[in-house]
Amino acid sequence: MKILQLDGTLNACQIEQLGAANADLFQEEMQAAMSPELKAIEVDFSDTSFLDSHGLGALLMVHKTACNRHGEVPLRLLNPQPSVQQILELTRMHRIFEIVKRPVVHETT
């Protein structure tokens, strides 16, 4: 997992799975990376093949924390794989989070 901040947008990428095994770590690292100038959060799901209820809970908590600290902050889920898209739709999370299909540019460090 890689977390970057660029122009007020917090970006998470290279997430192979978001579930019970790593949801707490994801949540902690995302919350710790929130800067005072946070305007949006984008989570790139193009590499994510597994998402469960723990991962969904972590996404919700990250969004809630961001909104509590910074006002309304959109959380966008980028390029979810079909299995992840299905989970988002079955749980109606696609109504809470914006789902975006677009090319994602990873900053190299």
N, C-alpha and C. Protein backbone atom coordinates (compact mmCIF):
# COMPACT_ATOMS: atom_id res chain seq x y z
N MET A 1 0.85 -1.18 0.00
CA MET A 1 0.00 0.00 0.00
C MET A 1 0.89 1.23 0.00
N LYS A 2 0.48 2.20 -0.81
CA LYS A 2 1.23 3.44 -0.91
C LYS A 2 0.25 4.59 -0.72
N ILE A 3 0.64 5.58 0.09
CA ILE A 3 -0.21 6.74 0.36
C ILE A 3 0.58 8.00 0.02
N LEU A 4 -0.04 8.84 -0.81
CA LEU A 4 0.58 10.08 -1.25
C LEU A 4 -0.38 11.24 -1.02
N GLN A 5 0.16 12.43 -0.81
CA GLN A 5 -0.67 13.63 -0.73
C GLN A 5 -0.20 14.57 -1.81
N LEU A 6 -1.12 15.02 -2.67
CA LEU A 6 -0.76 15.91 -3.76
C LEU A 6 -1.86 16.95 -3.94
N ASP A 7 -1.53 18.21 -3.79
CA ASP A 7 -2.47 19.32 -3.99
C ASP A 7 -3.77 19.15 -3.22
N GLY A 8 -3.69 18.74 -1.96
CA GLY A 8 -4.87 18.62 -1.12
C GLY A 8 -5.65 17.33 -1.30
N THR A 9 -5.17 16.44 -2.17
CA THR A 9 -5.83 15.15 -2.37
C THR A 9 -4.97 14.05 -1.79
N LEU A 10 -5.56 13.27 -0.90
CA LEU A 10 -4.89 12.12 -0.30
C LEU A 10 -5.16 10.91 -1.20
N ASN A 11 -4.10 10.30 -1.71
CA ASN A 11 -4.22 9.18 -2.64
C ASN A 11 -3.66 7.91 -2.01
N ALA A 12 -4.43 6.83 -2.09
CA ALA A 12 -3.95 5.51 -1.66
C ALA A 12 -3.97 4.60 -2.89
N CYS A 13 -2.92 3.84 -3.08
CA CYS A 13 -2.85 2.93 -4.23
C CYS A 13 -2.03 1.70 -3.85
N GLN A 14 -1.90 0.80 -4.80
CA GLN A 14 -1.17 -0.46 -4.63
C GLN A 14 -1.73 -1.26 -3.45
N ILE A 15 -3.05 -1.37 -3.42
CA ILE A 15 -3.75 -2.12 -2.37
C ILE A 15 -4.21 -3.43 -2.99
N GLU A 16 -3.59 -4.55 -2.62
CA GLU A 16 -3.96 -5.84 -3.18
C GLU A 16 -5.28 -6.35 -2.62
N GLN A 17 -5.50 -6.09 -1.33
CA GLN A 17 -6.76 -6.47 -0.69
C GLN A 17 -7.04 -5.50 0.44
N LEU A 18 -8.32 -5.34 0.75
CA LEU A 18 -8.70 -4.50 1.87
C LEU A 18 -9.73 -5.30 2.65
N GLY A 19 -9.22 -5.95 3.70
CA GLY A 19 -10.07 -6.84 4.48
C GLY A 19 -9.61 -6.91 5.92
N ALA A 20 -10.04 -7.95 6.61
CA ALA A 20 -9.76 -8.11 8.03
C ALA A 20 -8.26 -8.04 8.34
N ALA A 21 -7.43 -8.56 7.44
CA ALA A 21 -6.00 -8.62 7.69
C ALA A 21 -5.32 -7.26 7.71
N ASN A 22 -5.86 -6.28 6.97
CA ASN A 22 -5.15 -5.00 6.88
C ASN A 22 -6.04 -3.77 7.00
N ALA A 23 -7.31 -3.93 7.29
CA ALA A 23 -8.23 -2.78 7.34
C ALA A 23 -7.83 -1.78 8.42
N ASP A 24 -7.44 -2.27 9.59
CA ASP A 24 -7.05 -1.36 10.68
C ASP A 24 -5.81 -0.55 10.30
N LEU A 25 -4.83 -1.20 9.69
CA LEU A 25 -3.61 -0.52 9.26
C LEU A 25 -3.94 0.53 8.20
N PHE A 26 -4.78 0.16 7.22
CA PHE A 26 -5.20 1.10 6.18
C PHE A 26 -5.84 2.34 6.83
N GLN A 27 -6.77 2.11 7.74
CA GLN A 27 -7.48 3.21 8.40
C GLN A 27 -6.51 4.10 9.16
N GLU A 28 -5.62 3.51 9.95
CA GLU A 28 -4.67 4.27 10.75
C GLU A 28 -3.74 5.10 9.87
N GLU A 29 -3.22 4.49 8.81
CA GLU A 29 -2.27 5.20 7.94
C GLU A 29 -2.96 6.33 7.16
N MET A 30 -4.18 6.08 6.72
CA MET A 30 -4.91 7.12 5.99
C MET A 30 -5.23 8.29 6.93
N GLN A 31 -5.69 8.01 8.13
CA GLN A 31 -6.02 9.07 9.07
C GLN A 31 -4.77 9.86 9.47
N ALA A 32 -3.65 9.17 9.65
CA ALA A 32 -2.40 9.84 10.02
C ALA A 32 -1.89 10.73 8.88
N ALA A 33 -2.20 10.38 7.65
CA ALA A 33 -1.70 11.13 6.50
C ALA A 33 -2.55 12.35 6.15
N MET A 34 -3.67 12.54 6.82
CA MET A 34 -4.56 13.67 6.51
C MET A 34 -3.91 14.98 6.93
N SER A 35 -3.69 15.85 5.95
CA SER A 35 -3.08 17.15 6.24
C SER A 35 -4.17 18.20 6.44
N PRO A 36 -3.81 19.35 7.01
CA PRO A 36 -4.80 20.41 7.22
C PRO A 36 -5.45 20.90 5.93
N GLU A 37 -4.76 20.79 4.80
CA GLU A 37 -5.31 21.27 3.53
C GLU A 37 -6.05 20.19 2.74
N LEU A 38 -6.47 19.13 3.41
CA LEU A 38 -7.17 18.03 2.74
C LEU A 38 -8.47 18.50 2.09
N LYS A 39 -8.61 18.17 0.79
CA LYS A 39 -9.82 18.54 0.03
C LYS A 39 -10.56 17.33 -0.50
N ALA A 40 -9.83 16.22 -0.74
CA ALA A 40 -10.45 15.02 -1.31
C ALA A 40 -9.58 13.81 -0.98
N ILE A 41 -10.21 12.64 -1.05
CA ILE A 41 -9.51 11.37 -0.86
C ILE A 41 -9.81 10.50 -2.07
N GLU A 42 -8.78 9.89 -2.62
CA GLU A 42 -8.94 8.96 -3.73
C GLU A 42 -8.24 7.65 -3.38
N VAL A 43 -8.98 6.55 -3.52
CA VAL A 43 -8.43 5.23 -3.26
C VAL A 43 -8.46 4.47 -4.57
N ASP A 44 -7.29 4.14 -5.08
CA ASP A 44 -7.16 3.41 -6.35
C ASP A 44 -7.36 1.93 -6.08
N PHE A 45 -8.45 1.38 -6.58
CA PHE A 45 -8.77 -0.04 -6.41
C PHE A 45 -8.42 -0.87 -7.63
N SER A 46 -7.63 -0.33 -8.55
CA SER A 46 -7.31 -1.09 -9.77
C SER A 46 -6.49 -2.34 -9.48
N ASP A 47 -5.75 -2.37 -8.37
CA ASP A 47 -4.95 -3.54 -7.98
C ASP A 47 -5.64 -4.40 -6.92
N THR A 48 -6.84 -4.01 -6.51
CA THR A 48 -7.51 -4.65 -5.38
C THR A 48 -8.44 -5.75 -5.87
N SER A 49 -8.14 -6.98 -5.45
CA SER A 49 -8.96 -8.12 -5.88
C SER A 49 -9.91 -8.60 -4.79
N PHE A 50 -9.78 -8.06 -3.57
CA PHE A 50 -10.61 -8.52 -2.45
C PHE A 50 -10.99 -7.35 -1.56
N LEU A 51 -12.26 -7.26 -1.22
CA LEU A 51 -12.79 -6.26 -0.31
C LEU A 51 -13.87 -6.93 0.53
N ASP A 52 -13.77 -6.78 1.86
CA ASP A 52 -14.80 -7.37 2.72
C ASP A 52 -15.39 -6.29 3.65
N SER A 53 -16.21 -6.72 4.60
CA SER A 53 -16.89 -5.78 5.48
C SER A 53 -15.91 -4.98 6.33
N HIS A 54 -14.78 -5.56 6.69
CA HIS A 54 -13.76 -4.83 7.46
C HIS A 54 -13.19 -3.69 6.61
N GLY A 55 -12.94 -3.98 5.34
CA GLY A 55 -12.44 -2.95 4.42
C GLY A 55 -13.46 -1.85 4.20
N LEU A 56 -14.73 -2.23 4.05
CA LEU A 56 -15.79 -1.23 3.90
C LEU A 56 -15.88 -0.35 5.14
N GLY A 57 -15.78 -0.98 6.31
CA GLY A 57 -15.80 -0.22 7.56
C GLY A 57 -14.64 0.75 7.66
N ALA A 58 -13.47 0.33 7.22
CA ALA A 58 -12.29 1.21 7.24
C ALA A 58 -12.50 2.41 6.31
N LEU A 59 -13.06 2.16 5.13
CA LEU A 59 -13.35 3.26 4.20
C LEU A 59 -14.33 4.26 4.83
N LEU A 60 -15.37 3.73 5.46
CA LEU A 60 -16.35 4.60 6.11
C LEU A 60 -15.72 5.43 7.22
N MET A 61 -14.86 4.80 8.02
CA MET A 61 -14.22 5.52 9.13
C MET A 61 -13.24 6.58 8.62
N VAL A 62 -12.51 6.28 7.55
CA VAL A 62 -11.61 7.27 6.95
C VAL A 62 -12.43 8.47 6.47
N HIS A 63 -13.54 8.19 5.80
CA HIS A 63 -14.40 9.27 5.29
C HIS A 63 -14.98 10.08 6.45
N LYS A 64 -15.46 9.41 7.47
CA LYS A 64 -16.04 10.10 8.64
C LYS A 64 -15.00 10.98 9.33
N THR A 65 -13.81 10.45 9.51
CA THR A 65 -12.74 11.23 10.15
C THR A 65 -12.40 12.46 9.32
N ALA A 66 -12.27 12.27 8.01
CA ALA A 66 -11.95 13.40 7.13
C ALA A 66 -13.02 14.48 7.21
N CYS A 67 -14.27 14.08 7.17
CA CYS A 67 -15.38 15.05 7.23
C CYS A 67 -15.45 15.74 8.58
N ASN A 68 -15.17 15.01 9.66
CA ASN A 68 -15.18 15.61 11.00
C ASN A 68 -14.06 16.64 11.15
N ARG A 69 -12.92 16.37 10.55
CA ARG A 69 -11.77 17.27 10.69
C ARG A 69 -11.80 18.43 9.70
N HIS A 70 -12.34 18.19 8.49
CA HIS A 70 -12.17 19.16 7.40
C HIS A 70 -13.46 19.58 6.71
N GLY A 71 -14.61 19.24 7.26
CA GLY A 71 -15.86 19.53 6.57
C GLY A 71 -16.13 18.45 5.53
N GLU A 72 -16.98 18.73 4.57
CA GLU A 72 -17.33 17.72 3.57
C GLU A 72 -16.13 17.42 2.66
N VAL A 73 -15.66 16.18 2.70
CA VAL A 73 -14.52 15.73 1.90
C VAL A 73 -14.98 14.55 1.06
N PRO A 74 -14.96 14.68 -0.27
CA PRO A 74 -15.35 13.54 -1.10
C PRO A 74 -14.33 12.41 -1.03
N LEU A 75 -14.82 11.18 -1.04
CA LEU A 75 -13.97 10.01 -1.11
C LEU A 75 -14.32 9.29 -2.41
N ARG A 76 -13.34 9.24 -3.32
CA ARG A 76 -13.55 8.61 -4.62
C ARG A 76 -12.81 7.28 -4.68
N LEU A 77 -13.49 6.27 -5.21
CA LEU A 77 -12.90 4.95 -5.41
C LEU A 77 -12.61 4.82 -6.90
N LEU A 78 -11.33 4.66 -7.23
CA LEU A 78 -10.91 4.66 -8.62
C LEU A 78 -10.76 3.25 -9.16
N ASN A 79 -11.35 3.02 -10.32
CA ASN A 79 -11.13 1.81 -11.12
C ASN A 79 -11.28 0.49 -10.36
N PRO A 80 -12.39 0.29 -9.65
CA PRO A 80 -12.54 -1.00 -8.94
C PRO A 80 -12.67 -2.16 -9.92
N GLN A 81 -12.04 -3.27 -9.58
CA GLN A 81 -12.17 -4.49 -10.37
C GLN A 81 -13.61 -4.98 -10.25
N PRO A 82 -14.07 -5.81 -11.19
CA PRO A 82 -15.48 -6.26 -11.17
C PRO A 82 -15.93 -6.87 -9.84
N SER A 83 -15.10 -7.67 -9.20
CA SER A 83 -15.51 -8.29 -7.93
C SER A 83 -15.68 -7.24 -6.83
N VAL A 84 -14.82 -6.25 -6.81
CA VAL A 84 -14.92 -5.17 -5.83
C VAL A 84 -16.11 -4.27 -6.15
N GLN A 85 -16.32 -3.98 -7.43
CA GLN A 85 -17.48 -3.19 -7.86
C GLN A 85 -18.78 -3.86 -7.41
N GLN A 86 -18.83 -5.17 -7.53
CA GLN A 86 -20.02 -5.92 -7.14
C GLN A 86 -20.30 -5.77 -5.64
N ILE A 87 -19.25 -5.88 -4.82
CA ILE A 87 -19.41 -5.70 -3.37
C ILE A 87 -19.91 -4.29 -3.06
N LEU A 88 -19.35 -3.29 -3.73
CA LEU A 88 -19.76 -1.91 -3.50
C LEU A 88 -21.23 -1.71 -3.86
N GLU A 89 -21.68 -2.34 -4.92
CA GLU A 89 -23.07 -2.19 -5.34
C GLU A 89 -24.02 -2.99 -4.43
N LEU A 90 -23.62 -4.21 -4.05
CA LEU A 90 -24.47 -5.03 -3.17
C LEU A 90 -24.68 -4.37 -1.81
N THR A 91 -23.66 -3.67 -1.32
CA THR A 91 -23.75 -3.00 -0.02
C THR A 91 -24.21 -1.55 -0.14
N ARG A 92 -24.49 -1.13 -1.37
CA ARG A 92 -24.95 0.23 -1.69
C ARG A 92 -23.92 1.32 -1.34
N MET A 93 -22.68 0.93 -1.24
CA MET A 93 -21.62 1.90 -0.95
C MET A 93 -21.38 2.82 -2.16
N HIS A 94 -21.81 2.38 -3.34
CA HIS A 94 -21.66 3.24 -4.51
C HIS A 94 -22.54 4.49 -4.40
N ARG A 95 -23.46 4.49 -3.43
CA ARG A 95 -24.28 5.68 -3.18
C ARG A 95 -23.60 6.65 -2.21
N ILE A 96 -22.63 6.15 -1.47
CA ILE A 96 -21.91 6.97 -0.49
C ILE A 96 -20.60 7.50 -1.08
N PHE A 97 -19.88 6.60 -1.75
CA PHE A 97 -18.60 6.96 -2.35
C PHE A 97 -18.76 7.11 -3.85
N GLU A 98 -18.05 8.07 -4.41
CA GLU A 98 -18.05 8.25 -5.86
C GLU A 98 -17.14 7.19 -6.47
N ILE A 99 -17.63 6.48 -7.47
CA ILE A 99 -16.83 5.48 -8.16
C ILE A 99 -16.44 6.06 -9.52
N VAL A 100 -15.13 6.11 -9.77
CA VAL A 100 -14.60 6.76 -10.96
C VAL A 100 -13.77 5.76 -11.75
N LYS A 101 -14.04 5.69 -13.05
CA LYS A 101 -13.21 4.87 -13.94
C LYS A 101 -12.36 5.82 -14.76
N ARG A 102 -11.06 5.80 -14.51
CA ARG A 102 -10.15 6.66 -15.27
C ARG A 102 -8.72 6.16 -15.11
N PRO A 103 -7.86 6.56 -16.02
CA PRO A 103 -6.46 6.21 -15.86
C PRO A 103 -5.90 6.87 -14.60
N VAL A 104 -5.11 6.15 -13.87
CA VAL A 104 -4.52 6.66 -12.63
C VAL A 104 -3.02 6.78 -12.83
N VAL A 105 -2.48 7.94 -12.49
CA VAL A 105 -1.05 8.18 -12.61
C VAL A 105 -0.44 8.01 -11.23
N HIS A 106 0.51 7.09 -11.11
CA HIS A 106 1.21 6.88 -9.85
C HIS A 106 2.48 7.71 -9.84
N GLU A 107 2.67 8.45 -8.78
CA GLU A 107 3.89 9.22 -8.61
C GLU A 107 4.98 8.26 -8.16
N THR A 108 6.12 8.32 -8.80
CA THR A 108 7.23 7.45 -8.40
C THR A 108 8.13 8.18 -7.43
N THR A 109 8.60 7.42 -6.45
CA THR A 109 9.49 8.03 -5.46
C THR A 109 10.74 7.20 -5.31
